[in-house]
Amino acid sequence: MAEWIIIIVLFAAAWFWVESLHVREIATEAAKQFCASQGLQFLDGAVAFISIKFDRDQLGRLAFARTYRFEFSDSGANRLSGNVVMQGRLVGPMHVEAFGTDSF
């Protein structure tokens, strides 16, 4: 009996890990597309995991809400950060620092 529990837990952990990798790929592509649409340079070519929690997705279903951080540049001489929230496999809200303003 204990062996089955261990196998089930290991299977669930492996599924969660593979699913998280897939969701991270979707988040990376969403951040790249956002930067391209705004004429920004997507830096480092990846997103970094920040947090995970349960939340309702856009369809009202309970899902993991994973938050990822990415960096971009509007001038090539600075680094600004943004966050993308993934609700399950759906791209949720995206928040970015203000860009395109000249500060003296």
Protein backbone atom coordinates (compact mmCIF):
# COMPACT_ATOMS: atom_id res chain seq x y z
CA MET A 1 0.00 0.00 0.00
CA ALA A 2 2.75 2.46 0.92
CA GLU A 3 4.51 1.75 -2.36
CA TRP A 4 1.44 2.86 -4.32
CA ILE A 5 1.25 6.11 -2.38
CA ILE A 6 4.91 6.80 -3.10
CA ILE A 7 4.40 6.02 -6.80
CA ILE A 8 1.35 8.30 -6.98
CA VAL A 9 3.19 11.15 -5.23
CA LEU A 10 6.19 10.77 -7.55
CA PHE A 11 3.91 10.69 -10.59
CA ALA A 12 2.08 13.84 -9.41
CA ALA A 13 5.39 15.64 -8.78
CA ALA A 14 6.68 14.69 -12.24
CA TRP A 15 3.45 15.86 -13.87
CA PHE A 16 3.60 19.17 -11.98
CA TRP A 17 7.22 19.72 -13.02
CA VAL A 18 6.55 19.01 -16.72
CA GLU A 19 3.42 21.18 -16.66
CA SER A 20 5.38 24.03 -15.05
CA LEU A 21 8.02 23.82 -17.78
CA HIS A 22 5.32 24.02 -20.45
CA VAL A 23 3.62 26.99 -18.77
CA ARG A 24 6.98 28.77 -18.50
CA GLU A 25 7.47 28.35 -22.26
CA ILE A 26 4.05 29.91 -22.88
CA ALA A 27 4.91 32.80 -20.51
CA THR A 28 8.21 33.37 -22.31
CA GLU A 29 6.46 33.51 -25.68
CA ALA A 30 3.81 35.91 -24.31
CA ALA A 31 6.50 38.25 -22.96
CA LYS A 32 8.38 38.12 -26.29
CA GLN A 33 5.21 38.92 -28.22
CA PHE A 34 4.39 41.81 -25.89
CA CYS A 35 7.85 43.30 -26.30
CA ALA A 36 7.72 42.90 -30.09
CA SER A 37 4.30 44.55 -30.28
CA GLN A 38 5.52 47.54 -28.26
CA GLY A 39 8.86 47.89 -30.09
CA LEU A 40 10.83 46.81 -27.02
CA GLN A 41 13.87 44.59 -26.69
CA PHE A 42 13.17 41.38 -24.72
CA LEU A 43 16.26 40.78 -22.59
CA ASP A 44 17.81 37.46 -21.53
CA GLY A 45 15.36 35.45 -23.65
CA ALA A 46 13.60 33.94 -20.64
CA VAL A 47 11.24 34.54 -17.75
CA ALA A 48 11.97 33.86 -14.08
CA PHE A 49 9.51 32.18 -11.71
CA ILE A 50 8.34 34.39 -8.83
CA SER A 51 5.32 32.78 -7.16
CA ILE A 52 2.48 30.32 -7.40
CA LYS A 53 -0.98 30.33 -5.84
CA PHE A 54 -4.50 29.11 -6.52
CA ASP A 55 -6.73 31.58 -8.36
CA ARG A 56 -9.68 31.63 -10.73
CA ASP A 57 -8.78 31.72 -14.42
CA GLN A 58 -10.54 33.80 -17.07
CA LEU A 59 -13.22 31.11 -17.38
CA GLY A 60 -13.88 31.00 -13.62
CA ARG A 61 -12.14 27.67 -13.01
CA LEU A 62 -9.75 27.13 -10.11
CA ALA A 63 -6.19 26.89 -11.46
CA PHE A 64 -2.60 27.54 -10.52
CA ALA A 65 -1.68 31.20 -11.00
CA ARG A 66 2.05 31.34 -11.68
CA THR A 67 3.82 34.72 -11.79
CA TYR A 68 6.96 35.17 -13.89
CA ARG A 69 9.28 38.17 -14.18
CA PHE A 70 11.00 39.27 -17.37
CA GLU A 71 13.24 42.16 -18.32
CA PHE A 72 13.08 44.42 -21.34
CA SER A 73 14.64 47.61 -22.64
CA ASP A 74 13.07 50.53 -24.46
CA SER A 75 16.35 52.21 -25.41
CA GLY A 76 18.94 49.43 -25.29
CA ALA A 77 20.72 51.25 -22.46
CA ASN A 78 18.44 50.34 -19.55
CA ARG A 79 16.74 47.33 -17.98
CA LEU A 80 13.10 47.49 -17.00
CA SER A 81 11.06 44.67 -15.54
CA GLY A 82 7.64 43.25 -16.14
CA ASN A 83 5.50 40.44 -14.76
CA VAL A 84 3.25 38.01 -16.55
CA VAL A 85 0.68 35.96 -14.64
CA MET A 86 -0.21 32.57 -16.07
CA GLN A 87 -3.62 31.27 -15.02
CA GLY A 88 -3.30 27.59 -15.75
CA ARG A 89 -2.11 27.59 -19.38
CA LEU A 90 -3.83 30.89 -20.15
CA VAL A 91 -1.94 34.18 -20.22
CA GLY A 92 -3.39 36.44 -17.56
CA PRO A 93 -2.55 39.99 -16.55
CA MET A 94 0.78 41.48 -17.59
CA HIS A 95 2.33 44.38 -15.68
CA VAL A 96 5.36 46.38 -16.83
CA GLU A 97 7.35 49.32 -15.56
CA ALA A 98 6.67 52.63 -17.26
CA PHE A 99 8.81 52.96 -20.38
CA GLY A 100 9.40 55.50 -23.09
CA THR A 101 9.82 58.39 -20.65
CA ASP A 102 12.99 60.42 -20.59
CA SER A 103 14.24 61.13 -17.09
CA PHE A 104 16.86 63.80 -16.50
